[in-house]
Protein backbone atom coordinates (compact mmCIF):
# COMPACT_ATOMS: atom_id res chain seq x y z
CA MET A 1 1.29 203.64 -23.02
CA THR A 2 1.04 203.97 -26.79
CA VAL A 3 2.54 202.29 -29.84
CA PRO A 4 5.32 204.54 -31.27
CA GLU A 5 5.50 205.78 -34.85
CA PHE A 6 7.63 203.87 -37.35
CA PRO A 7 10.59 203.43 -37.50
CA GLU A 8 10.55 203.52 -33.71
CA PHE A 9 9.52 200.27 -32.00
CA ARG A 10 8.76 199.17 -28.48
CA GLU A 11 8.71 195.82 -26.78
CA VAL A 12 5.34 194.15 -26.28
CA ASP A 13 3.84 194.42 -22.80
CA ILE A 14 0.36 194.06 -21.38
CA SER A 15 -0.21 197.84 -21.31
CA LEU A 16 -0.37 197.82 -25.14
CA LYS A 17 -3.34 195.47 -25.20
CA PRO A 18 -6.08 198.17 -25.59
CA ALA A 19 -4.28 199.95 -28.46
CA VAL A 20 -3.50 196.71 -30.29
CA GLN A 21 -6.96 195.26 -29.84
CA ASP A 22 -8.60 198.46 -31.06
CA LEU A 23 -6.85 198.06 -34.42
CA GLN A 24 -7.51 194.31 -34.46
CA ARG A 25 -11.24 194.86 -33.97
CA ARG A 26 -11.43 197.52 -36.68
CA PHE A 27 -9.32 195.52 -39.14
CA PRO A 28 -9.70 191.85 -38.21
CA LEU A 29 -7.36 189.31 -39.78
CA GLU A 30 -8.34 185.65 -39.73
CA ALA A 31 -4.88 184.21 -38.94
CA SER A 32 -4.23 183.07 -35.37
CA GLU A 33 -0.89 184.92 -35.06
CA TYR A 34 -2.68 188.27 -34.92
CA THR A 35 -4.44 187.82 -31.59
CA PHE A 36 -2.91 189.95 -28.86
CA THR A 37 -2.57 186.77 -26.79
CA ASN A 38 -0.22 185.19 -29.32
CA ILE A 39 1.81 188.36 -29.85
CA PHE A 40 2.18 188.80 -26.08
CA ALA A 41 2.85 185.16 -25.18
CA PHE A 42 5.52 184.67 -27.86
CA ARG A 43 7.05 188.13 -27.45
CA LEU A 44 10.25 186.74 -25.94
CA GLY A 45 10.57 183.69 -28.19
CA TYR A 46 10.29 185.77 -31.37
CA GLU A 47 11.39 189.13 -29.91
CA PHE A 48 8.23 190.83 -31.15
CA GLN A 49 8.19 194.62 -31.31
CA LEU A 50 5.37 196.98 -32.30
CA SER A 51 5.09 200.23 -34.23
CA ARG A 52 2.51 202.27 -36.18
CA LEU A 53 2.85 203.39 -39.77
CA ARG A 54 0.08 205.41 -41.49
CA ASP A 55 -2.33 204.21 -38.79
CA ASN A 56 -1.44 200.55 -39.46
CA LEU A 57 -0.14 198.32 -36.68
CA ILE A 58 3.32 196.99 -37.55
CA ILE A 59 4.48 193.73 -35.95
CA LYS A 60 8.20 193.13 -36.18
CA ARG A 61 9.82 189.77 -35.56
CA ASN A 62 13.19 190.94 -34.31
CA LYS A 63 14.69 187.47 -33.97
CA GLU A 64 16.94 186.49 -36.89
CA PRO A 65 15.98 186.44 -39.68
CA VAL A 66 14.19 189.74 -38.98
CA SER A 67 10.82 190.07 -40.71
CA PHE A 68 7.43 191.74 -40.42
CA PHE A 69 3.94 190.31 -40.19
CA SER A 70 1.21 191.73 -42.37
CA PRO A 71 0.26 195.32 -41.47
CA VAL A 72 -2.97 195.46 -39.47
CA GLY A 73 -5.05 198.22 -41.03
CA ASN A 74 -6.07 199.54 -44.45
CA SER A 75 -4.27 202.89 -44.69
CA HIS A 76 -2.07 203.32 -47.81
CA ILE A 77 -1.06 199.68 -47.73
CA ARG A 78 1.08 199.70 -50.88
CA GLU A 79 3.19 202.59 -49.61
CA THR A 80 3.36 200.97 -46.18
CA MET A 81 4.62 197.69 -47.65
CA LYS A 82 7.24 199.53 -49.72
CA GLU A 83 8.51 201.33 -46.63
CA LEU A 84 8.70 198.09 -44.64
CA PHE A 85 10.73 196.45 -47.40
CA GLY A 86 13.03 199.46 -47.51
CA TYR A 87 13.65 199.03 -43.78
CA LEU A 88 14.28 195.27 -44.15
CA ARG A 89 16.69 195.65 -47.07
CA ASN A 90 19.09 197.50 -44.77
CA ILE A 91 19.29 194.60 -42.30
CA SER A 92 18.48 191.42 -44.24
CA ASP A 93 19.50 189.68 -47.46
CA ASP A 94 16.06 188.11 -47.73
CA ALA A 95 13.52 190.84 -46.97
CA CYS A 96 10.21 189.12 -46.24
CA ILE A 97 6.77 189.91 -44.85
CA GLU A 98 5.39 186.68 -43.45
CA ARG A 99 2.19 185.11 -42.08
CA VAL A 100 0.16 187.22 -44.52
CA PRO A 101 -3.42 185.88 -44.55
CA GLU A 102 -5.31 185.24 -47.75
CA SER A 103 -7.85 188.02 -47.17
CA PHE A 104 -5.03 190.59 -47.07
CA VAL A 105 -3.45 189.18 -50.24
CA LYS A 106 -6.76 189.31 -52.11
CA GLU A 107 -7.59 192.85 -51.00
CA PHE A 108 -4.21 194.53 -51.39
CA LEU A 109 -1.67 192.41 -53.28
CA ALA A 110 -3.44 190.17 -55.79
CA HIS A 111 -2.75 192.31 -58.86
CA ASP A 112 0.30 194.27 -57.73
CA PRO A 113 3.28 193.49 -60.00
CA ASP A 114 5.82 194.75 -57.46
CA PHE A 115 5.31 191.89 -55.01
CA ILE A 116 5.96 188.15 -55.15
CA VAL A 117 3.43 186.15 -53.11
CA GLN A 118 4.35 182.58 -52.12
CA GLU A 119 2.14 180.09 -50.28
CA ASP A 120 3.34 179.09 -46.79
CA ARG A 121 1.67 175.70 -46.25
CA ASP A 122 3.43 174.92 -42.96
CA ASN A 123 1.70 177.91 -41.35
CA PHE A 124 -1.84 177.35 -42.63
CA ASP A 125 -4.34 177.42 -39.75
CA TYR A 126 -6.71 174.44 -39.57
CA VAL A 127 -10.38 175.41 -39.33
CA TYR A 128 -13.15 173.06 -38.18
CA THR A 129 -16.88 173.24 -37.63
CA VAL A 130 -17.54 173.47 -33.89
CA GLN A 131 -20.68 171.35 -34.03
CA GLU A 132 -18.89 168.54 -35.87
CA LEU A 133 -16.13 168.37 -33.26
CA ILE A 134 -18.70 168.35 -30.47
CA GLU A 135 -20.96 165.70 -31.99
CA LEU A 136 -18.33 163.52 -33.75
CA LYS A 137 -21.01 162.04 -35.97
CA GLY A 138 -20.54 159.81 -38.99
CA ARG A 139 -17.88 157.52 -40.38
CA LYS A 140 -15.23 160.20 -40.71
CA PHE A 141 -15.24 160.64 -36.91
CA HIS A 142 -15.71 156.95 -36.08
CA ASP A 143 -12.24 156.53 -34.53
CA LYS A 144 -12.53 159.76 -32.49
CA LYS A 145 -15.94 158.77 -31.16
CA ASN A 146 -14.64 155.34 -30.13
CA ARG A 147 -11.76 156.94 -28.24
CA VAL A 148 -14.13 159.30 -26.41
CA ASN A 149 -16.41 156.41 -25.46
CA ARG A 150 -13.49 154.32 -24.26
CA PHE A 151 -12.17 157.14 -22.07
CA ARG A 152 -15.58 157.75 -20.53
CA ALA A 153 -16.03 154.05 -19.84
CA ASP A 154 -12.59 153.62 -18.25
CA TYR A 155 -12.19 156.87 -16.28
CA GLN A 156 -14.11 158.96 -13.82
CA TYR A 157 -13.36 162.57 -14.64
CA GLU A 158 -14.56 166.11 -14.20
CA TYR A 159 -14.29 169.07 -16.57
CA LEU A 160 -13.68 172.42 -14.87
CA PRO A 161 -13.40 175.92 -16.34
CA LEU A 162 -10.11 177.61 -15.61
CA ASN A 163 -10.11 180.38 -13.04
CA PRO A 164 -7.31 182.25 -11.21
CA GLY A 165 -7.46 179.84 -8.29
CA ARG A 166 -6.44 176.92 -10.53
CA ILE A 167 -3.48 178.58 -12.23
CA ASP A 168 -0.81 177.13 -9.92
CA GLU A 169 -2.09 173.60 -10.59
CA CYS A 170 -1.97 174.28 -14.34
CA ILE A 171 1.61 175.55 -14.14
CA GLU A 172 2.58 172.41 -12.22
CA PHE A 173 0.88 170.28 -14.91
CA GLU A 174 2.72 172.13 -17.69
CA HIS A 175 6.07 171.56 -15.95
CA TYR A 176 5.25 167.85 -15.60
CA TRP A 177 4.14 167.57 -19.25
CA CYS A 178 7.40 169.17 -20.38
CA GLU A 179 9.48 166.97 -18.13
CA VAL A 180 7.91 163.86 -19.68
CA ARG A 181 8.43 165.24 -23.21
CA ASP A 182 11.98 166.55 -22.57
CA CYS A 183 10.98 170.02 -23.80
CA GLY A 184 14.42 171.43 -23.05
CA LYS A 185 15.95 169.33 -25.85
CA TYR A 186 13.60 170.72 -28.50
CA PRO A 187 13.66 174.47 -29.27
CA GLY A 188 10.08 174.46 -30.57
CA LEU A 189 8.67 172.81 -27.44
CA GLU A 190 10.75 175.05 -25.19
CA LYS A 191 9.48 178.17 -26.97
CA GLU A 192 5.93 176.86 -26.66
CA ARG A 193 6.45 176.09 -22.96
CA CYS A 194 7.52 179.69 -22.31
CA ALA A 195 4.47 180.99 -24.18
CA ILE A 196 2.09 178.77 -22.23
CA LEU A 197 3.56 179.96 -18.92
CA GLU A 198 3.10 183.56 -20.10
CA MET A 199 -0.57 182.82 -20.85
CA LEU A 200 -1.11 181.17 -17.49
CA ASN A 201 0.74 183.79 -15.45
CA ASN A 202 -1.22 186.57 -17.20
CA PHE A 203 -4.51 184.70 -17.50
CA GLY A 204 -6.49 187.38 -15.67
CA SER A 205 -5.25 190.11 -18.02
CA LEU A 206 -5.76 188.29 -21.32
CA ASP A 207 -9.13 187.61 -23.00
CA MET A 208 -8.89 183.86 -22.72
CA GLN A 209 -10.99 180.99 -21.50
CA GLY A 210 -9.45 177.81 -20.22
CA GLY A 211 -10.54 174.34 -19.23
CA ILE A 212 -9.07 171.37 -17.41
CA ILE A 213 -9.94 167.72 -16.99
CA LYS A 214 -9.17 166.09 -13.67
CA THR A 215 -8.87 162.37 -13.04
CA GLY A 216 -8.07 161.04 -9.60
CA GLY A 217 -8.10 164.61 -8.28
CA LYS A 218 -5.22 165.75 -10.50
CA ILE A 219 -5.10 167.67 -13.77
CA ALA A 220 -4.76 165.31 -16.73
CA ALA A 221 -5.51 167.78 -19.54
CA LEU A 222 -5.39 171.54 -20.06
CA THR A 223 -6.59 173.79 -22.88
CA LEU A 224 -6.63 177.55 -23.50
CA GLY A 225 -8.38 179.57 -26.19
CA GLU A 226 -10.39 182.67 -26.97
CA LYS A 227 -13.01 184.09 -29.29
CA MET A 228 -11.09 185.49 -32.21
CA LEU A 229 -13.70 186.59 -34.78
CA SER A 230 -17.46 186.94 -34.37
CA ASP A 231 -17.99 183.33 -35.49
CA THR A 232 -14.59 181.75 -34.71
CA PHE A 233 -12.92 180.45 -31.55
CA VAL A 234 -9.16 179.80 -31.57
CA ILE A 235 -7.40 177.11 -29.55
CA HIS A 236 -3.98 178.29 -28.38
CA VAL A 237 -3.05 175.39 -26.11
CA GLU A 238 -4.10 171.77 -25.74
CA LYS A 239 -2.08 169.44 -23.51
CA ALA A 240 -2.99 166.02 -22.13
CA HIS A 241 -1.41 162.85 -20.83
CA ALA A 242 -0.64 160.95 -24.04
CA HIS A 243 -0.81 157.56 -22.31
CA ILE A 244 -4.54 157.98 -21.58
CA PRO A 245 -6.50 156.94 -24.71
CA GLY A 246 -9.22 159.40 -25.70
CA LEU A 247 -8.16 162.18 -23.33
CA TYR A 248 -7.16 164.60 -26.10
CA GLN A 249 -10.49 164.03 -27.85
CA VAL A 250 -12.47 164.57 -24.64
CA ILE A 251 -10.76 167.81 -23.58
CA ASN A 252 -11.29 169.15 -27.10
CA GLN A 253 -14.98 168.18 -27.04
CA GLU A 254 -15.69 169.40 -23.50
CA PHE A 255 -13.94 172.74 -24.03
CA LEU A 256 -15.93 173.49 -27.16
CA ILE A 257 -19.20 172.54 -25.45
CA HIS A 258 -18.56 174.82 -22.48
CA GLU A 259 -16.65 177.74 -24.01
CA ALA A 260 -17.32 177.93 -27.77
CA GLY A 261 -20.97 177.02 -28.15
CA ASP A 262 -21.81 180.40 -29.71
CA CYS A 263 -19.19 180.02 -32.47
CA ARG A 264 -19.57 178.27 -35.80
CA TYR A 265 -15.88 177.57 -36.38
CA VAL A 266 -12.82 176.68 -34.36
CA ASN A 267 -9.28 177.55 -35.49
CA ARG A 268 -6.73 175.03 -34.20
CA GLU A 269 -3.70 176.90 -35.53
CA GLN A 270 -0.89 175.49 -37.68
CA ASP A 271 1.19 172.32 -37.90
CA LEU A 272 4.56 174.07 -38.52
CA GLY A 273 5.43 171.38 -41.07
CA GLU A 274 5.67 168.64 -38.41
CA GLU A 275 4.43 165.40 -39.97
CA GLY A 276 2.92 163.96 -36.80
CA LEU A 277 1.10 167.18 -35.97
CA ARG A 278 -0.14 167.49 -39.56
CA ASN A 279 -1.53 163.96 -39.49
CA ALA A 280 -3.24 164.63 -36.17
CA LYS A 281 -4.85 167.86 -37.39
CA MET A 282 -5.95 166.28 -40.67
CA SER A 283 -7.52 163.37 -38.77
CA TYR A 284 -10.10 165.81 -37.36
CA ASN A 285 -11.37 166.51 -40.90
CA PRO A 286 -10.87 170.27 -41.28
CA SER A 287 -13.63 172.16 -43.05
CA GLY A 288 -11.01 174.56 -44.45
CA PHE A 289 -7.78 176.43 -43.88
CA VAL A 290 -6.64 179.96 -43.18
CA ARG A 291 -4.09 180.18 -45.98
CA LYS A 292 -0.99 182.26 -45.34
CA TYR A 293 1.73 183.61 -47.56
CA ARG A 294 5.24 185.01 -47.63
CA VAL A 295 5.57 188.26 -49.56
CA ARG A 296 8.78 189.55 -51.11
CA GLU A 297 9.44 192.63 -53.18
CA LYS A 298 10.21 191.97 -56.84
CA LYS A 299 13.78 193.03 -57.58
């Protein structure tokens, strides 16, 4: 199956993976939203649809308020952006192209007077040095290191790579985690839960690695990620029992050791403006951010 020509769109399904990934490999964008895994897993939550315009991949967020992500490609970008805004003006009072990474802004929009570019801090991806998160050396990681040491002193555990035979256990763990957190009461957690189940149920068809930690024979932590750029690994999912001190730090460390050793950086995605999540991500001492922007057409 192929991606239709704009303004025709089609729903995202696994058969589109080769076509989408071909464009992603030729025109890589550093923001986590642009992996096929994220587009596929959140396709229901955000009602993602795909199209092609002048050989650029167009990602439409069909859930209100309707918007587009940055075009993936480099073919006549200015004209492409103008056409996307023309489409949006017919259906929205606030036409917006969102999650536009900094590299795209610098290459195509930096000096264009027809567009207004606004920073979107809540959607910045947090980027860390893999080796630092594995080693946890120095004063800035003192608290993390202590938590890891405490967990290893108090618990017998095993780290296992995820394989198809462990998927059912992981789904059971995700249901339990959501039951404890009352995911159904929080739209963001419910949307995330649906995406995680999509990743697990389609694990064999997506280019992901996964890892679990077991204590007492049961899963206590789960993480999922994939190589995103030649030097960058992205973490899509990280869940652990919050009542076990150090477990989050250990699953993060073990997963990077086993699955991301050939990468220099790890992208741990955004905080969505949630204060607690922002504090947690900042506490790992990011080496930088993938800055993202909202783009509007100047009236």
